[in-house]
Structure formats: structure tokens, C-alpha cells
């Protein structure tokens, strides 16, 4: 689920996991280093969920890939 519902809490919704990723993305990082930082967070304990969250964040324009590094887009 992208949004939380009464059956899906915020930690397991893609948008909630996306906030965890964005909070850990202070400087541009490689995919591996970002994964190592967030892999213990609820909702991001498996790699495919992490990739799904990165795809979501890229699709909404919150992150971008520049020279092999993921970085936050500034509004």
C-alpha cells in the first residue's frame, strides 16, 4: 500500500517508509550505503521494499540519481 489505512500502519506504507529514507538522506549516497543505513527500520527490512520506496520517491520527484549517487531534490 502506498498510503496507510486502518489495516496498514504508517511504517509499512510506502509513503511512511519513504519518509525514513528521506530522513537518512542528508548527503548524496550510493544505493548500498543508503540501504545499510535504513535496513533496520520497520517496513524496510527487505531489499525489494527498499527498491519499491526508491522507485516511489523517484516517481514523485523527491530524489534523483546523479553520477551514481542518490540525492534529495530541493523544492
PDB file of N, CA and C in Angstrom:
ATOM      1  N   UNK A   1       0.822  -1.180   0.000  1.00  0.00           N
ATOM      2  CA  UNK A   1       0.000   0.000   0.000  1.00  0.00           C
ATOM      3  C   UNK A   1       0.874   1.255   0.000  1.00  0.00           C
ATOM      4  N   UNK A   2       0.444   2.236  -0.704  1.00  0.00           N
ATOM      5  CA  UNK A   2       1.184   3.490  -0.728  1.00  0.00           C
ATOM      6  C   UNK A   2       0.837   4.332   0.499  1.00  0.00           C
ATOM      7  N   UNK A   3      -0.434   4.418   0.814  1.00  0.00           N
ATOM      8  CA  UNK A   3      -0.888   5.201   1.959  1.00  0.00           C
ATOM      9  C   UNK A   3      -1.304   4.282   3.101  1.00  0.00           C
ATOM     10  N   UNK A   4      -1.185   4.745   4.330  1.00  0.00           N
ATOM     11  CA  UNK A   4      -1.636   3.929   5.458  1.00  0.00           C
ATOM     12  C   UNK A   4      -3.159   3.855   5.497  1.00  0.00           C
ATOM     13  N   UNK A   5      -3.662   2.758   6.006  1.00  0.00           N
ATOM     14  CA  UNK A   5      -5.094   2.575   6.226  1.00  0.00           C
ATOM     15  C   UNK A   5      -5.272   2.087   7.655  1.00  0.00           C
ATOM     16  N   UNK A   6      -6.488   1.710   8.006  1.00  0.00           N
ATOM     17  CA  UNK A   6      -6.670   1.199   9.352  1.00  0.00           C
ATOM     18  C   UNK A   6      -6.066  -0.186   9.516  1.00  0.00           C
ATOM     19  N   UNK A   7      -5.732  -0.852   8.398  1.00  0.00           N
ATOM     20  CA  UNK A   7      -5.103  -2.171   8.450  1.00  0.00           C
ATOM     21  C   UNK A   7      -3.607  -2.139   8.133  1.00  0.00           C
ATOM     22  N   UNK A   8      -3.132  -1.049   7.558  1.00  0.00           N
ATOM     23  CA  UNK A   8      -1.714  -0.891   7.208  1.00  0.00           C
ATOM     24  C   UNK A   8      -1.195   0.335   7.952  1.00  0.00           C
ATOM     25  N   UNK A   9      -0.276   0.104   8.889  1.00  0.00           N
ATOM     26  CA  UNK A   9       0.234   1.251   9.650  1.00  0.00           C
ATOM     27  C   UNK A   9       1.253   2.040   8.823  1.00  0.00           C
ATOM     28  N   UNK A  10       1.586   3.216   9.321  1.00  0.00           N
ATOM     29  CA  UNK A  10       2.444   4.133   8.581  1.00  0.00           C
ATOM     30  C   UNK A  10       3.819   3.554   8.292  1.00  0.00           C
ATOM     31  N   UNK A  11       4.375   2.765   9.210  1.00  0.00           N
ATOM     32  CA  UNK A  11       5.697   2.175   8.998  1.00  0.00           C
ATOM     33  C   UNK A  11       5.736   1.230   7.808  1.00  0.00           C
ATOM     34  N   UNK A  12       4.627   0.590   7.521  1.00  0.00           N
ATOM     35  CA  UNK A  12       4.596  -0.382   6.432  1.00  0.00           C
ATOM     36  C   UNK A  12       3.998   0.163   5.145  1.00  0.00           C
ATOM     37  N   UNK A  13       3.545   1.397   5.163  1.00  0.00           N
ATOM     38  CA  UNK A  13       3.073   2.048   3.940  1.00  0.00           C
ATOM     39  C   UNK A  13       4.282   2.630   3.211  1.00  0.00           C
ATOM     40  N   UNK A  14       4.215   2.674   1.906  1.00  0.00           N
ATOM     41  CA  UNK A  14       5.342   3.164   1.106  1.00  0.00           C
ATOM     42  C   UNK A  14       5.664   4.618   1.453  1.00  0.00           C
ATOM     43  N   UNK A  15       4.659   5.417   1.692  1.00  0.00           N
ATOM     44  CA  UNK A  15       4.914   6.827   1.992  1.00  0.00           C
ATOM     45  C   UNK A  15       5.604   6.992   3.348  1.00  0.00           C
ATOM     46  N   UNK A  16       5.283   6.149   4.306  1.00  0.00           N
ATOM     47  CA  UNK A  16       5.955   6.204   5.605  1.00  0.00           C
ATOM     48  C   UNK A  16       7.386   5.733   5.524  1.00  0.00           C
ATOM     49  N   UNK A  17       7.614   4.656   4.774  1.00  0.00           N
ATOM     50  CA  UNK A  17       8.978   4.168   4.575  1.00  0.00           C
ATOM     51  C   UNK A  17       9.791   5.186   3.773  1.00  0.00           C
ATOM     52  N   UNK A  18       9.130   5.903   2.877  1.00  0.00           N
ATOM     53  CA  UNK A  18       9.810   6.951   2.119  1.00  0.00           C
ATOM     54  C   UNK A  18      10.301   8.073   3.011  1.00  0.00           C
ATOM     55  N   UNK A  19       9.542   8.387   4.039  1.00  0.00           N
ATOM     56  CA  UNK A  19       9.987   9.432   4.964  1.00  0.00           C
ATOM     57  C   UNK A  19      11.218   8.983   5.741  1.00  0.00           C
ATOM     58  N   UNK A  20      11.314   7.699   6.044  1.00  0.00           N
ATOM     59  CA  UNK A  20      12.507   7.171   6.718  1.00  0.00           C
ATOM     60  C   UNK A  20      13.720   7.310   5.803  1.00  0.00           C
ATOM     61  N   UNK A  21      13.551   6.974   4.536  1.00  0.00           N
ATOM     62  CA  UNK A  21      14.652   7.084   3.576  1.00  0.00           C
ATOM     63  C   UNK A  21      15.075   8.547   3.427  1.00  0.00           C
ATOM     64  N   UNK A  22      14.116   9.440   3.274  1.00  0.00           N
ATOM     65  CA  UNK A  22      14.453  10.855   3.110  1.00  0.00           C
ATOM     66  C   UNK A  22      15.131  11.433   4.355  1.00  0.00           C
ATOM     67  N   UNK A  23      14.731  10.990   5.527  1.00  0.00           N
ATOM     68  CA  UNK A  23      15.364  11.467   6.759  1.00  0.00           C
ATOM     69  C   UNK A  23      16.801  10.987   6.894  1.00  0.00           C
ATOM     70  N   UNK A  24      17.156   9.915   6.221  1.00  0.00           N
ATOM     71  CA  UNK A  24      18.522   9.385   6.269  1.00  0.00           C
ATOM     72  C   UNK A  24      19.350   9.802   5.064  1.00  0.00           C
ATOM     73  N   UNK A  25      18.806  10.648   4.228  1.00  0.00           N
ATOM     74  CA  UNK A  25      19.486  11.063   3.007  1.00  0.00           C
ATOM     75  C   UNK A  25      19.914  12.527   3.119  1.00  0.00           C
ATOM     76  N   UNK A  26      20.834  12.800   4.051  1.00  0.00           N
ATOM     77  CA  UNK A  26      21.305  14.163   4.271  1.00  0.00           C
ATOM     78  C   UNK A  26      22.303  14.595   3.201  1.00  0.00           C
ATOM     79  N   UNK A  27      23.118  13.662   2.762  1.00  0.00           N
ATOM     80  CA  UNK A  27      24.097  13.925   1.710  1.00  0.00           C
ATOM     81  C   UNK A  27      23.889  12.889   0.619  1.00  0.00           C
ATOM     82  N   UNK A  28      24.312  13.160  -0.612  1.00  0.00           N
ATOM     83  CA  UNK A  28      24.188  12.154  -1.668  1.00  0.00           C
ATOM     84  C   UNK A  28      24.915  10.862  -1.282  1.00  0.00           C
ATOM     85  N   UNK A  29      24.264   9.726  -1.537  1.00  0.00           N
ATOM     86  CA  UNK A  29      24.804   8.427  -1.142  1.00  0.00           C
ATOM     87  C   UNK A  29      24.583   7.407  -2.243  1.00  0.00           C
ATOM     88  N   UNK A  30      25.377   6.353  -2.193  1.00  0.00           N
ATOM     89  CA  UNK A  30      25.152   5.231  -3.091  1.00  0.00           C
ATOM     90  C   UNK A  30      23.956   4.438  -2.582  1.00  0.00           C
ATOM     91  N   UNK A  31      23.413   3.602  -3.443  1.00  0.00           N
ATOM     92  CA  UNK A  31      22.293   2.760  -3.049  1.00  0.00           C
ATOM     93  C   UNK A  31      22.703   1.853  -1.891  1.00  0.00           C
ATOM     94  N   UNK A  32      23.897   1.293  -1.969  1.00  0.00           N
ATOM     95  CA  UNK A  32      24.363   0.375  -0.927  1.00  0.00           C
ATOM     96  C   UNK A  32      24.507   1.068   0.420  1.00  0.00           C
ATOM     97  N   UNK A  33      25.093   2.239   0.448  1.00  0.00           N
ATOM     98  CA  UNK A  33      25.271   2.924   1.729  1.00  0.00           C
ATOM     99  C   UNK A  33      23.932   3.364   2.315  1.00  0.00           C
ATOM    100  N   UNK A  34      23.005   3.783   1.468  1.00  0.00           N
ATOM    101  CA  UNK A  34      21.680   4.153   1.962  1.00  0.00           C
ATOM    102  C   UNK A  34      20.945   2.932   2.495  1.00  0.00           C
ATOM    103  N   UNK A  35      21.044   1.817   1.792  1.00  0.00           N
ATOM    104  CA  UNK A  35      20.426   0.573   2.254  1.00  0.00           C
ATOM    105  C   UNK A  35      20.993   0.155   3.609  1.00  0.00           C
ATOM    106  N   UNK A  36      22.283   0.267   3.792  1.00  0.00           N
ATOM    107  CA  UNK A  36      22.892  -0.094   5.073  1.00  0.00           C
ATOM    108  C   UNK A  36      22.423   0.807   6.212  1.00  0.00           C
ATOM    109  N   UNK A  37      22.062   2.045   5.910  1.00  0.00           N
ATOM    110  CA  UNK A  37      21.580   2.967   6.946  1.00  0.00           C
ATOM    111  C   UNK A  37      20.141   2.694   7.350  1.00  0.00           C
ATOM    112  N   UNK A  38      19.300   2.262   6.401  1.00  0.00           N
ATOM    113  CA  UNK A  38      17.861   2.160   6.693  1.00  0.00           C
ATOM    114  C   UNK A  38      17.350   0.733   6.830  1.00  0.00           C
ATOM    115  N   UNK A  39      18.178  -0.250   6.671  1.00  0.00           N
ATOM    116  CA  UNK A  39      17.692  -1.633   6.627  1.00  0.00           C
ATOM    117  C   UNK A  39      17.099  -2.134   7.927  1.00  0.00           C
ATOM    118  N   UNK A  40      17.337  -1.483   9.037  1.00  0.00           N
ATOM    119  CA  UNK A  40      16.764  -1.907  10.317  1.00  0.00           C
ATOM    120  C   UNK A  40      15.436  -1.220  10.628  1.00  0.00           C
ATOM    121  N   UNK A  41      15.042  -0.275   9.811  1.00  0.00           N
ATOM    122  CA  UNK A  41      13.792   0.458  10.045  1.00  0.00           C
ATOM    123  C   UNK A  41      12.592  -0.442   9.766  1.00  0.00           C
ATOM    124  N   UNK A  42      11.530  -0.300  10.557  1.00  0.00           N
ATOM    125  CA  UNK A  42      10.318  -1.083  10.280  1.00  0.00           C
ATOM    126  C   UNK A  42       9.792  -0.771   8.879  1.00  0.00           C
ATOM    127  N   UNK A  43       9.408  -1.784   8.157  1.00  0.00           N
ATOM    128  CA  UNK A  43       8.902  -1.592   6.806  1.00  0.00           C
ATOM    129  C   UNK A  43       9.974  -1.602   5.734  1.00  0.00           C
ATOM    130  N   UNK A  44      11.236  -1.588   6.126  1.00  0.00           N
ATOM    131  CA  UNK A  44      12.337  -1.592   5.150  1.00  0.00           C
ATOM    132  C   UNK A  44      13.321  -2.724   5.421  1.00  0.00           C
ATOM    133  N   UNK A  45      12.877  -3.779   6.015  1.00  0.00           N
ATOM    134  CA  UNK A  45      13.791  -4.861   6.399  1.00  0.00           C
ATOM    135  C   UNK A  45      14.133  -5.796   5.242  1.00  0.00           C
ATOM    136  N   UNK A  46      13.435  -5.661   4.133  1.00  0.00           N
ATOM    137  CA  UNK A  46      13.759  -6.478   2.957  1.00  0.00           C
ATOM    138  C   UNK A  46      14.118  -5.547   1.799  1.00  0.00           C
ATOM    139  N   UNK A  47      15.032  -5.992   0.971  1.00  0.00           N
ATOM    140  CA  UNK A  47      15.588  -5.139  -0.079  1.00  0.00           C
ATOM    141  C   UNK A  47      14.551  -4.741  -1.111  1.00  0.00           C
ATOM    142  N   UNK A  48      13.638  -5.618  -1.484  1.00  0.00           N
ATOM    143  CA  UNK A  48      12.661  -5.276  -2.517  1.00  0.00           C
ATOM    144  C   UNK A  48      11.751  -4.137  -2.070  1.00  0.00           C
ATOM    145  N   UNK A  49      11.448  -4.044  -0.760  1.00  0.00           N
ATOM    146  CA  UNK A  49      10.648  -2.918  -0.272  1.00  0.00           C
ATOM    147  C   UNK A  49      11.445  -1.610  -0.363  1.00  0.00           C
ATOM    148  N   UNK A  50      12.736  -1.691  -0.079  1.00  0.00           N
ATOM    149  CA  UNK A  50      13.607  -0.523  -0.194  1.00  0.00           C
ATOM    150  C   UNK A  50      13.631  -0.020  -1.638  1.00  0.00           C
ATOM    151  N   UNK A  51      13.753  -0.924  -2.585  1.00  0.00           N
ATOM    152  CA  UNK A  51      13.761  -0.551  -4.004  1.00  0.00           C
ATOM    153  C   UNK A  51      12.406   0.031  -4.407  1.00  0.00           C
ATOM    154  N   UNK A  52      11.324  -0.546  -3.907  1.00  0.00           N
ATOM    155  CA  UNK A  52       9.992  -0.011  -4.190  1.00  0.00           C
ATOM    156  C   UNK A  52       9.860   1.420  -3.661  1.00  0.00           C
ATOM    157  N   UNK A  53      10.381   1.673  -2.472  1.00  0.00           N
ATOM    158  CA  UNK A  53      10.330   3.015  -1.899  1.00  0.00           C
ATOM    159  C   UNK A  53      11.180   3.980  -2.717  1.00  0.00           C
ATOM    160  N   UNK A  54      12.364   3.554  -3.151  1.00  0.00           N
ATOM    161  CA  UNK A  54      13.194   4.414  -4.002  1.00  0.00           C
ATOM    162  C   UNK A  54      12.483   4.728  -5.312  1.00  0.00           C
ATOM    163  N   UNK A  55      11.832   3.736  -5.910  1.00  0.00           N
ATOM    164  CA  UNK A  55      11.068   3.971  -7.135  1.00  0.00           C
ATOM    165  C   UNK A  55       9.962   4.994  -6.907  1.00  0.00           C
ATOM    166  N   UNK A  56       9.259   4.855  -5.793  1.00  0.00           N
ATOM    167  CA  UNK A  56       8.187   5.789  -5.456  1.00  0.00           C
ATOM    168  C   UNK A  56       8.735   7.210  -5.279  1.00  0.00           C
ATOM    169  N   UNK A  57       9.821   7.334  -4.532  1.00  0.00           N
ATOM    170  CA  UNK A  57      10.410   8.650  -4.296  1.00  0.00           C
ATOM    171  C   UNK A  57      10.908   9.283  -5.594  1.00  0.00           C
ATOM    172  N   UNK A  58      11.445   8.465  -6.492  1.00  0.00           N
ATOM    173  CA  UNK A  58      11.888   8.981  -7.790  1.00  0.00           C
ATOM    174  C   UNK A  58      10.679   9.407  -8.634  1.00  0.00           C
ATOM    175  N   UNK A  59       9.622   8.623  -8.590  1.00  0.00           N
ATOM    176  CA  UNK A  59       8.435   8.921  -9.392  1.00  0.00           C
ATOM    177  C   UNK A  59       7.764  10.223  -8.966  1.00  0.00           C
ATOM    178  N   UNK A  60       7.805  10.540  -7.681  1.00  0.00           N
ATOM    179  CA  UNK A  60       7.173  11.778  -7.225  1.00  0.00           C
ATOM    180  C   UNK A  60       8.149  12.950  -7.237  1.00  0.00           C
ATOM    181  N   UNK A  61       9.393  12.702  -7.654  1.00  0.00           N
ATOM    182  CA  UNK A  61      10.362  13.770  -7.788  1.00  0.00           C
ATOM    183  C   UNK A  61      11.068  14.156  -6.497  1.00  0.00           C
ATOM    184  N   UNK A  62      11.036  13.291  -5.493  1.00  0.00           N
ATOM    185  CA  UNK A  62      11.676  13.609  -4.212  1.00  0.00           C
ATOM    186  C   UNK A  62      13.169  13.311  -4.220  1.00  0.00           C
ATOM    187  N   UNK A  63      13.608  12.357  -5.048  1.00  0.00           N
ATOM    188  CA  UNK A  63      15.026  12.022  -5.156  1.00  0.00           C
ATOM    189  C   UNK A  63      15.404  11.937  -6.626  1.00  0.00           C
ATOM    190  N   UNK A  64      16.707  12.001  -6.876  1.00  0.00           N
ATOM    191  CA  UNK A  64      17.219  11.815  -8.229  1.00  0.00           C
ATOM    192  C   UNK A  64      18.555  11.089  -8.153  1.00  0.00           C
ATOM    193  N   UNK A  65      18.956  10.517  -9.260  1.00  0.00           N
ATOM    194  CA  UNK A  65      20.221   9.801  -9.358  1.00  0.00           C
ATOM    195  C   UNK A  65      21.177  10.642 -10.192  1.00  0.00           C
ATOM    196  N   UNK A  66      22.280  11.063  -9.575  1.00  0.00           N
ATOM    197  CA  UNK A  66      23.268  11.899 -10.240  1.00  0.00           C
ATOM    198  C   UNK A  66      24.642  11.279 -10.031  1.00  0.00           C
ATOM    199  N   UNK A  67      25.294  10.901 -11.122  1.00  0.00           N
ATOM    200  CA  UNK A  67      26.631  10.302 -11.072  1.00  0.00           C
ATOM    201  C   UNK A  67      26.700   9.098 -10.144  1.00  0.00           C
ATOM    202  N   UNK A  68      25.673   8.271 -10.142  1.00  0.00           N
ATOM    203  CA  UNK A  68      25.657   7.063  -9.325  1.00  0.00           C
ATOM    204  C   UNK A  68      25.295   7.279  -7.873  1.00  0.00           C
ATOM    205  N   UNK A  69      24.920   8.503  -7.506  1.00  0.00           N
ATOM    206  CA  UNK A  69      24.549   8.813  -6.132  1.00  0.00           C
ATOM    207  C   UNK A  69      23.089   9.256  -6.075  1.00  0.00           C
ATOM    208  N   UNK A  70      22.395   8.800  -5.059  1.00  0.00           N
ATOM    209  CA  UNK A  70      21.013   9.233  -4.837  1.00  0.00           C
ATOM    210  C   UNK A  70      21.061  10.488  -3.995  1.00  0.00           C
ATOM    211  N   UNK A  71      20.327  11.506  -4.425  1.00  0.00           N
ATOM    212  CA  UNK A  71      20.283  12.732  -3.649  1.00  0.00           C
ATOM    213  C   UNK A  71      18.860  13.263  -3.614  1.00  0.00           C
ATOM    214  N   UNK A  72      18.577  14.036  -2.579  1.00  0.00           N
ATOM    215  CA  UNK A  72      17.256  14.643  -2.435  1.00  0.00           C
ATOM    216  C   UNK A  72      17.106  15.790  -3.421  1.00  0.00           C
ATOM    217  N   UNK A  73      15.920  15.947  -3.946  1.00  0.00           N
ATOM    218  CA  UNK A  73      15.585  17.120  -4.737  1.00  0.00           C
ATOM    219  C   UNK A  73      15.099  18.200  -3.797  1.00  0.00           C
ATOM    220  N   UNK A  74      15.563  19.382  -3.998  1.00  0.00           N
ATOM    221  CA  UNK A  74      15.109  20.515  -3.190  1.00  0.00           C
ATOM    222  C   UNK A  74      13.957  21.187  -3.914  1.00  0.00           C
ATOM    223  N   UNK A  75      12.914  21.568  -3.179  1.00  0.00           N
ATOM    224  CA  UNK A  75      11.780  22.248  -3.834  1.00  0.00           C
ATOM    225  C   UNK A  75      12.148  23.637  -4.295  1.00  0.00           C
TER     226      UNK A  75
END
